[in-house]
N, C-alpha and C. Protein backbone atom coordinates (compact mmCIF):
# COMPACT_ATOMS: atom_id res chain seq x y z
N MET A 1 58.45 -72.21 15.98
CA MET A 1 59.51 -71.89 14.80
C MET A 1 61.03 -72.09 15.50
N ASP A 2 61.94 -72.92 15.06
CA ASP A 2 62.99 -73.07 16.20
C ASP A 2 64.10 -71.66 15.84
N ASP A 3 65.30 -71.73 16.41
CA ASP A 3 65.94 -70.27 16.57
C ASP A 3 66.71 -70.02 15.28
N GLU A 4 67.16 -71.13 14.66
CA GLU A 4 67.68 -71.25 13.18
C GLU A 4 66.68 -70.60 12.09
N ALA A 5 65.82 -70.90 12.32
CA ALA A 5 64.70 -70.56 11.32
C ALA A 5 64.00 -69.04 11.51
N ARG A 6 64.29 -68.72 13.00
CA ARG A 6 63.49 -67.41 13.36
C ARG A 6 64.54 -66.25 12.73
N SER A 7 66.12 -66.71 13.06
CA SER A 7 66.88 -65.81 12.50
C SER A 7 67.19 -65.85 11.10
N ALA A 8 66.81 -66.63 10.46
CA ALA A 8 66.87 -67.07 8.85
C ALA A 8 65.51 -65.50 8.72
N LEU A 9 64.58 -66.04 9.35
CA LEU A 9 63.30 -64.84 8.85
C LEU A 9 63.49 -63.51 9.56
N ASP A 10 64.30 -62.91 10.62
CA ASP A 10 64.05 -61.89 11.20
C ASP A 10 64.03 -60.57 10.58
N GLY A 11 64.09 -60.59 9.35
CA GLY A 11 64.14 -59.10 8.67
C GLY A 11 63.66 -59.42 7.54
N VAL A 12 62.92 -58.21 6.86
CA VAL A 12 62.21 -58.32 5.34
C VAL A 12 62.94 -58.56 4.45
N ALA A 13 64.73 -57.85 4.64
CA ALA A 13 65.70 -57.99 3.41
C ALA A 13 66.30 -59.22 3.50
N LYS A 14 65.92 -59.94 4.57
CA LYS A 14 66.32 -61.72 4.40
C LYS A 14 65.05 -62.55 3.17
N LEU A 15 63.97 -61.61 3.51
CA LEU A 15 63.06 -62.76 2.56
C LEU A 15 63.39 -63.04 1.36
N ASP A 16 62.86 -63.69 0.71
CA ASP A 16 63.35 -64.52 -0.53
C ASP A 16 61.74 -65.50 -1.24
N LEU A 17 61.11 -65.22 -1.69
CA LEU A 17 60.03 -65.83 -2.12
C LEU A 17 60.20 -66.79 -3.16
N GLU A 18 61.32 -66.77 -3.75
CA GLU A 18 61.74 -67.64 -4.71
C GLU A 18 62.23 -68.65 -4.02
N ASN A 19 62.88 -68.77 -2.78
CA ASN A 19 63.54 -69.92 -2.12
C ASN A 19 62.47 -70.80 -1.83
N GLY A 20 62.74 -72.11 -2.56
CA GLY A 20 61.52 -72.76 -2.10
C GLY A 20 61.58 -73.08 -0.31
N THR A 21 62.83 -73.52 0.01
CA THR A 21 62.76 -73.77 1.32
C THR A 21 62.60 -72.57 2.10
N GLN A 22 62.60 -71.76 2.24
CA GLN A 22 62.28 -70.68 2.81
C GLN A 22 61.00 -70.09 2.97
N PHE A 23 60.46 -70.52 1.58
CA PHE A 23 58.62 -70.08 1.53
C PHE A 23 58.13 -71.10 1.65
N THR A 24 58.34 -72.74 2.00
CA THR A 24 57.87 -73.83 2.54
C THR A 24 57.88 -73.30 4.32
N LEU A 25 59.21 -73.09 4.71
CA LEU A 25 59.07 -72.34 6.09
C LEU A 25 58.13 -71.49 6.41
N LEU A 26 57.99 -70.30 5.47
CA LEU A 26 56.84 -69.20 5.91
C LEU A 26 55.66 -69.49 5.96
N VAL A 27 55.07 -70.69 5.04
CA VAL A 27 54.11 -71.49 5.02
C VAL A 27 53.62 -71.96 6.25
N ARG A 28 54.65 -73.03 6.82
CA ARG A 28 54.35 -74.21 7.65
C ARG A 28 54.49 -73.08 8.86
N SER A 29 54.81 -71.84 9.00
CA SER A 29 55.02 -71.34 10.54
C SER A 29 53.65 -69.87 10.85
N TYR A 30 53.23 -69.47 9.43
CA TYR A 30 52.02 -68.64 9.71
C TYR A 30 50.79 -68.56 8.83
N LYS A 31 50.49 -69.94 8.40
CA LYS A 31 49.48 -70.43 7.81
C LYS A 31 48.30 -70.32 8.78
N TYR A 32 48.71 -70.87 10.18
CA TYR A 32 47.21 -71.01 10.88
C TYR A 32 47.74 -69.95 11.81
N ASN A 33 48.52 -68.89 11.52
CA ASN A 33 48.90 -67.90 12.97
C ASN A 33 47.59 -66.93 12.73
N MET A 34 47.21 -66.62 13.88
CA MET A 34 45.82 -65.81 13.76
C MET A 34 46.16 -64.33 13.80
N ARG A 35 47.31 -63.67 14.00
CA ARG A 35 47.71 -62.42 14.09
C ARG A 35 47.94 -62.29 12.30
N THR A 36 48.49 -63.42 12.07
CA THR A 36 49.16 -62.95 10.46
C THR A 36 48.03 -62.91 9.62
N ILE A 37 46.70 -64.20 9.80
CA ILE A 37 45.54 -63.67 9.24
C ILE A 37 44.62 -62.47 9.81
N ASN A 38 44.55 -62.01 10.52
CA ASN A 38 44.31 -60.79 10.86
C ASN A 38 44.50 -59.80 10.60
N PHE A 39 46.00 -59.75 10.13
CA PHE A 39 46.66 -58.60 9.52
C PHE A 39 46.46 -58.86 8.27
N TRP A 40 46.75 -59.79 7.63
CA TRP A 40 46.46 -60.00 5.98
C TRP A 40 44.72 -59.12 5.69
N LEU A 41 43.89 -59.68 6.33
CA LEU A 41 42.70 -59.22 6.31
C LEU A 41 42.30 -57.89 6.79
N ASN A 42 42.83 -57.34 7.99
CA ASN A 42 42.61 -55.90 8.22
C ASN A 42 43.52 -54.91 7.09
N TYR A 43 44.24 -55.36 6.46
CA TYR A 43 44.69 -54.50 5.70
C TYR A 43 45.20 -54.63 4.37
N CYS A 44 44.54 -55.95 4.16
CA CYS A 44 44.97 -56.48 2.34
C CYS A 44 43.78 -56.35 2.02
N VAL A 45 42.75 -57.38 2.27
CA VAL A 45 41.46 -58.13 1.87
C VAL A 45 40.60 -56.79 2.23
N PHE A 46 40.15 -56.44 3.57
CA PHE A 46 38.99 -55.99 3.78
C PHE A 46 39.23 -54.51 3.29
N PRO A 47 40.40 -53.81 3.27
CA PRO A 47 40.09 -52.38 2.63
C PRO A 47 40.04 -52.37 1.24
N ARG A 48 40.40 -53.46 0.37
CA ARG A 48 40.02 -53.64 -0.97
C ARG A 48 38.50 -54.18 -1.61
N GLU A 49 38.28 -55.03 -0.56
CA GLU A 49 36.95 -55.88 -0.66
C GLU A 49 35.75 -55.07 -0.49
N THR A 50 35.75 -53.57 0.56
CA THR A 50 35.07 -53.44 1.19
C THR A 50 34.61 -52.02 1.26
N LYS A 51 35.16 -51.52 0.29
CA LYS A 51 35.39 -49.60 -0.53
C LYS A 51 34.10 -49.37 -0.13
N GLN A 52 33.88 -48.44 0.50
CA GLN A 52 32.87 -47.69 0.43
C GLN A 52 33.30 -46.32 -0.45
N PHE A 53 31.97 -45.77 -1.52
CA PHE A 53 32.29 -44.61 -2.20
C PHE A 53 31.68 -43.37 -1.72
N PRO A 54 31.60 -42.28 -1.86
CA PRO A 54 31.06 -40.80 -1.45
C PRO A 54 29.58 -40.89 -2.18
N SER A 55 29.82 -41.68 -3.58
CA SER A 55 28.47 -41.67 -4.07
C SER A 55 27.79 -42.86 -4.79
N ARG A 56 26.83 -43.10 -5.04
CA ARG A 56 26.73 -44.38 -5.95
C ARG A 56 26.89 -44.00 -7.56
N ILE A 57 27.23 -45.18 -8.42
CA ILE A 57 28.02 -45.14 -9.34
C ILE A 57 26.88 -46.24 -9.95
N MET A 58 25.79 -46.62 -9.85
CA MET A 58 24.78 -46.99 -10.52
C MET A 58 23.29 -46.97 -10.03
N ALA A 59 22.59 -47.52 -10.73
CA ALA A 59 21.15 -46.85 -10.36
C ALA A 59 20.43 -48.38 -10.86
N ASN A 60 19.12 -48.69 -10.61
CA ASN A 60 18.08 -49.11 -10.90
C ASN A 60 16.80 -48.74 -11.35
N ALA A 61 15.82 -49.88 -11.50
CA ALA A 61 14.84 -49.09 -12.24
C ALA A 61 13.79 -48.06 -10.99
N TRP A 62 14.17 -48.42 -10.01
CA TRP A 62 13.59 -47.70 -8.72
C TRP A 62 14.29 -46.19 -8.46
N ASP A 63 15.23 -46.41 -8.70
CA ASP A 63 16.11 -45.32 -8.46
C ASP A 63 15.86 -44.21 -10.09
N LEU A 64 15.75 -44.92 -11.06
CA LEU A 64 15.49 -43.87 -12.37
C LEU A 64 14.13 -42.97 -12.09
N THR A 65 12.80 -43.92 -11.36
CA THR A 65 11.78 -43.26 -11.26
C THR A 65 11.51 -42.15 -10.07
N ASP A 66 12.60 -42.00 -9.36
CA ASP A 66 12.27 -41.43 -8.05
C ASP A 66 12.07 -39.89 -8.49
N GLY A 67 10.76 -39.66 -8.38
CA GLY A 67 10.38 -38.34 -8.82
C GLY A 67 10.36 -37.96 -10.49
N GLY A 68 8.86 -36.94 -10.85
CA GLY A 68 8.91 -36.79 -12.12
C GLY A 68 8.17 -37.90 -12.83
N ARG A 69 7.86 -37.48 -13.97
CA ARG A 69 6.77 -38.14 -14.53
C ARG A 69 7.76 -38.98 -15.64
N VAL A 70 6.95 -40.22 -15.75
CA VAL A 70 8.17 -41.36 -16.27
C VAL A 70 7.48 -42.17 -17.65
N VAL A 71 8.36 -42.12 -18.54
CA VAL A 71 7.71 -42.45 -19.65
C VAL A 71 8.48 -43.66 -20.13
N GLY A 72 8.28 -45.01 -20.57
CA GLY A 72 9.20 -45.88 -21.12
C GLY A 72 8.50 -46.94 -21.54
N PHE A 73 9.39 -48.13 -22.03
CA PHE A 73 8.64 -49.12 -22.90
C PHE A 73 9.62 -50.04 -21.76
N SER A 74 8.66 -51.19 -21.31
CA SER A 74 9.27 -52.21 -20.96
C SER A 74 8.93 -53.45 -21.88
N GLY A 75 8.87 -53.55 -22.97
CA GLY A 75 8.42 -54.64 -23.96
C GLY A 75 7.60 -55.80 -23.97
N THR A 76 7.46 -56.30 -22.80
CA THR A 76 5.97 -57.18 -22.53
C THR A 76 5.50 -56.77 -21.19
N LYS A 77 4.21 -57.00 -20.96
CA LYS A 77 3.53 -56.82 -19.92
C LYS A 77 3.80 -57.96 -18.51
N ASP A 78 4.37 -59.24 -18.93
CA ASP A 78 4.71 -60.13 -17.82
C ASP A 78 5.37 -59.62 -16.86
N ASN A 79 6.07 -58.44 -16.87
CA ASN A 79 7.24 -58.34 -15.92
C ASN A 79 6.40 -56.93 -15.34
N LYS A 80 5.32 -56.78 -15.02
CA LYS A 80 4.75 -55.55 -14.58
C LYS A 80 5.26 -55.54 -12.81
N LEU A 81 4.86 -56.75 -12.51
CA LEU A 81 5.08 -56.81 -11.06
C LEU A 81 6.27 -56.48 -10.46
N LEU A 82 7.54 -56.44 -11.48
CA LEU A 82 8.93 -55.87 -10.81
C LEU A 82 9.08 -54.71 -11.37
N LEU A 83 8.29 -53.74 -11.79
CA LEU A 83 8.01 -51.97 -11.81
C LEU A 83 8.18 -51.63 -10.58
N PRO A 84 8.82 -50.75 -10.68
CA PRO A 84 8.82 -49.15 -9.28
C PRO A 84 7.49 -49.56 -9.52
N ALA A 85 6.81 -49.03 -7.96
CA ALA A 85 5.70 -48.24 -7.84
C ALA A 85 5.09 -47.37 -8.55
N ALA A 86 6.11 -46.26 -8.75
CA ALA A 86 5.69 -44.96 -9.53
C ALA A 86 5.50 -45.23 -11.24
N VAL A 87 5.51 -46.45 -11.64
CA VAL A 87 5.40 -46.86 -12.79
C VAL A 87 4.27 -47.86 -13.03
N THR A 88 3.26 -47.24 -13.58
CA THR A 88 1.83 -47.79 -13.88
C THR A 88 2.08 -48.18 -15.36
N GLN A 89 1.49 -49.51 -15.90
CA GLN A 89 1.41 -50.18 -16.91
C GLN A 89 -0.03 -49.63 -17.90
N VAL A 90 0.31 -49.08 -18.91
CA VAL A 90 -0.84 -48.86 -19.70
C VAL A 90 -0.82 -49.48 -20.69
N VAL A 91 -2.38 -50.58 -20.71
CA VAL A 91 -2.73 -51.29 -21.69
C VAL A 91 -3.07 -50.58 -23.42
N PRO A 92 -2.29 -50.78 -24.14
CA PRO A 92 -2.78 -49.72 -25.30
C PRO A 92 -4.31 -50.23 -25.87
N ASP A 93 -4.98 -49.23 -26.31
CA ASP A 93 -6.24 -49.35 -27.32
C ASP A 93 -5.61 -49.98 -28.54
N ASP A 94 -4.91 -49.65 -29.10
CA ASP A 94 -4.67 -49.99 -30.28
C ASP A 94 -4.43 -51.83 -30.37
N ASP A 95 -5.03 -52.70 -31.45
CA ASP A 95 -5.51 -53.88 -31.22
C ASP A 95 -4.12 -54.21 -31.98
N VAL A 96 -3.34 -53.60 -33.11
CA VAL A 96 -1.89 -53.94 -33.17
C VAL A 96 -1.00 -54.11 -32.03
N LEU A 97 -0.73 -52.87 -31.31
CA LEU A 97 -0.29 -53.51 -30.27
C LEU A 97 -0.42 -53.98 -29.35
N ALA A 98 -1.53 -54.06 -28.84
CA ALA A 98 -1.89 -55.09 -28.05
C ALA A 98 -1.70 -56.71 -28.28
N ALA A 99 -1.43 -56.96 -29.78
CA ALA A 99 -0.80 -57.83 -30.20
C ALA A 99 0.89 -58.37 -30.00
N THR A 100 1.45 -57.35 -29.25
CA THR A 100 2.78 -57.73 -29.46
C THR A 100 3.26 -59.03 -28.63
N ASP A 101 2.55 -58.89 -27.38
CA ASP A 101 2.91 -60.36 -26.85
C ASP A 101 2.83 -61.48 -27.73
N GLY A 102 1.83 -61.68 -28.28
CA GLY A 102 1.24 -62.74 -29.41
C GLY A 102 2.30 -63.09 -30.22
N LYS A 103 2.55 -61.82 -31.08
CA LYS A 103 3.70 -61.79 -31.94
C LYS A 103 5.15 -62.47 -31.85
N MET A 104 5.30 -61.77 -30.49
CA MET A 104 6.99 -62.13 -30.06
C MET A 104 6.90 -63.48 -29.52
N LEU A 105 5.99 -64.27 -29.07
CA LEU A 105 6.04 -65.61 -28.71
C LEU A 105 5.67 -66.29 -29.97
N ALA A 106 5.17 -66.00 -31.11
CA ALA A 106 5.13 -66.85 -32.71
C ALA A 106 6.57 -66.75 -33.06
N LEU A 107 7.24 -65.32 -32.83
CA LEU A 107 8.39 -65.22 -33.53
C LEU A 107 9.20 -66.47 -32.81
N ILE A 108 9.32 -66.65 -31.40
CA ILE A 108 10.24 -67.36 -30.80
C ILE A 108 9.94 -68.81 -31.21
N LEU A 109 8.36 -69.49 -31.28
CA LEU A 109 8.41 -70.44 -31.21
C LEU A 109 8.37 -71.07 -33.00
N ASP A 110 8.56 -70.06 -33.69
CA ASP A 110 8.56 -70.66 -35.19
C ASP A 110 10.09 -70.87 -35.62
N ASN A 111 10.86 -70.26 -34.41
CA ASN A 111 12.50 -70.62 -34.78
C ASN A 111 12.87 -72.13 -34.37
N ASP A 112 13.72 -72.78 -35.58
CA ASP A 112 14.43 -73.68 -35.43
C ASP A 112 15.09 -74.24 -34.32
N ALA A 113 15.28 -73.11 -33.64
CA ALA A 113 16.08 -73.64 -32.68
C ALA A 113 15.69 -73.52 -31.19
N VAL A 114 14.18 -73.17 -31.34
CA VAL A 114 13.45 -73.34 -29.93
C VAL A 114 13.06 -74.79 -30.03
N HIS A 115 13.18 -75.05 -28.77
CA HIS A 115 12.76 -76.24 -28.34
C HIS A 115 11.30 -76.49 -27.11
N VAL A 116 10.32 -76.69 -27.12
CA VAL A 116 9.69 -76.51 -26.20
C VAL A 116 9.58 -77.48 -25.60
N ILE A 117 9.62 -77.50 -24.12
CA ILE A 117 9.68 -78.75 -23.43
C ILE A 117 8.07 -78.81 -22.20
N ARG A 118 7.41 -79.74 -23.16
CA ARG A 118 5.90 -79.74 -22.70
C ARG A 118 5.34 -80.91 -21.70
N GLN A 119 6.02 -81.83 -21.66
CA GLN A 119 5.84 -83.10 -21.12
C GLN A 119 7.28 -83.72 -20.11
N HIS A 120 6.97 -83.89 -19.29
CA HIS A 120 8.60 -84.50 -18.26
C HIS A 120 8.23 -85.57 -17.50
N ASP A 121 8.81 -86.52 -17.30
CA ASP A 121 8.68 -87.79 -16.39
C ASP A 121 8.28 -87.44 -15.37
N GLU A 122 7.18 -87.99 -14.84
CA GLU A 122 6.94 -87.77 -13.20
C GLU A 122 7.69 -88.15 -12.03
N GLN A 123 8.64 -89.00 -12.49
CA GLN A 123 9.44 -89.16 -11.53
C GLN A 123 10.72 -88.15 -11.43
N GLN A 124 10.77 -87.44 -12.11
CA GLN A 124 12.11 -86.39 -12.13
C GLN A 124 11.49 -85.01 -11.97
N PRO A 125 11.87 -84.12 -11.29
CA PRO A 125 11.11 -82.65 -11.40
C PRO A 125 11.69 -82.04 -12.47
N TYR A 126 10.60 -81.01 -12.82
CA TYR A 126 10.45 -80.55 -14.19
C TYR A 126 11.85 -79.69 -14.43
N SER A 127 12.40 -78.83 -12.98
CA SER A 127 13.67 -78.31 -13.22
C SER A 127 14.59 -78.96 -13.67
N SER A 128 14.71 -80.14 -13.10
CA SER A 128 15.70 -81.25 -13.38
C SER A 128 15.59 -81.42 -15.43
N ALA A 129 14.70 -81.77 -15.57
CA ALA A 129 14.66 -82.33 -16.83
C ALA A 129 15.01 -80.96 -17.79
N VAL A 130 14.19 -79.74 -17.38
CA VAL A 130 15.04 -78.63 -18.09
C VAL A 130 16.39 -78.47 -17.85
N LEU A 131 16.77 -78.65 -17.16
CA LEU A 131 18.60 -78.45 -16.49
C LEU A 131 19.22 -79.49 -17.27
N LYS A 132 18.81 -80.82 -17.57
CA LYS A 132 19.10 -82.02 -18.75
C LYS A 132 18.95 -81.51 -20.05
N PHE A 133 18.20 -80.89 -20.42
CA PHE A 133 18.18 -80.44 -21.48
C PHE A 133 19.04 -79.47 -21.97
N ALA A 134 19.19 -78.53 -21.19
CA ALA A 134 20.00 -77.32 -21.39
C ALA A 134 21.44 -77.76 -21.72
N VAL A 135 21.67 -78.77 -20.62
CA VAL A 135 23.33 -79.25 -20.72
C VAL A 135 23.37 -80.15 -22.11
N ASP A 136 22.49 -81.23 -22.28
CA ASP A 136 22.71 -81.80 -22.91
C ASP A 136 23.06 -81.60 -24.55
N ARG A 137 22.10 -80.26 -24.68
CA ARG A 137 22.31 -79.63 -26.15
C ARG A 137 22.78 -78.64 -25.90
N GLY A 138 24.06 -78.05 -25.01
CA GLY A 138 24.39 -76.90 -25.09
C GLY A 138 23.87 -75.88 -25.18
N THR A 139 22.57 -75.21 -24.74
CA THR A 139 21.77 -74.55 -24.50
C THR A 139 22.19 -73.20 -24.11
N VAL A 140 22.18 -71.77 -24.65
CA VAL A 140 22.36 -70.96 -24.53
C VAL A 140 21.61 -69.64 -23.70
N ALA A 141 19.99 -70.34 -23.70
CA ALA A 141 19.13 -69.27 -23.14
C ALA A 141 18.08 -70.60 -22.90
N LEU A 142 17.42 -70.35 -21.61
CA LEU A 142 15.93 -70.42 -21.22
C LEU A 142 14.92 -69.56 -21.16
N ILE A 143 13.77 -69.86 -22.04
CA ILE A 143 12.83 -68.48 -21.50
C ILE A 143 12.07 -69.14 -21.22
N ALA A 144 11.31 -68.91 -20.23
CA ALA A 144 10.07 -69.55 -19.87
C ALA A 144 8.71 -68.43 -18.71
N PRO A 145 7.62 -68.00 -19.53
CA PRO A 145 7.09 -67.19 -19.07
C PRO A 145 6.75 -67.81 -17.31
N ALA A 146 6.66 -66.94 -16.52
CA ALA A 146 6.51 -67.44 -14.71
C ALA A 146 5.78 -68.39 -14.58
N HIS A 147 3.98 -68.16 -15.07
CA HIS A 147 3.01 -68.86 -15.02
C HIS A 147 3.28 -70.35 -15.75
N SER A 148 4.48 -71.08 -16.42
CA SER A 148 4.47 -72.41 -16.84
C SER A 148 5.49 -73.05 -15.82
N TRP A 149 5.63 -72.65 -15.11
CA TRP A 149 6.47 -73.43 -13.83
C TRP A 149 5.01 -73.98 -13.09
N PRO A 150 5.70 -75.13 -12.64
CA PRO A 150 4.69 -76.15 -12.15
C PRO A 150 4.88 -75.56 -10.35
N ALA A 151 3.94 -75.55 -10.02
CA ALA A 151 4.06 -74.70 -8.56
C ALA A 151 5.08 -75.98 -7.48
């Protein structure tokens, strides 16, 4: 930075970010300046983006099962491997309750808005076919059991 530019920027009171010439000079002078970048990171970015709090304000299923008797309903049995170790899945003795997964699948498949992709081009990965279908149709949800995806 030359002496004239330095004297124009030698005090905070002289800074006017609405002045295009001055703003251009500031950007040109400080955009690769490591002291400026470190100051910005240490005093502006890091304190705001890496805040630590004295206590957590959220919990997951593992936190909710920490001690005590756990009773709940997860919906279907296909996600049992994701449940916390303290949660065990009990298969109901009642045939009506045991048929819940099949009833939900029938409801989904009977919906006219649902399209089942059964076959795909062997030259194209299955995931690409699903993504293309979703984008072409403006799909809002993709539902697939984990065992239906090819390895």
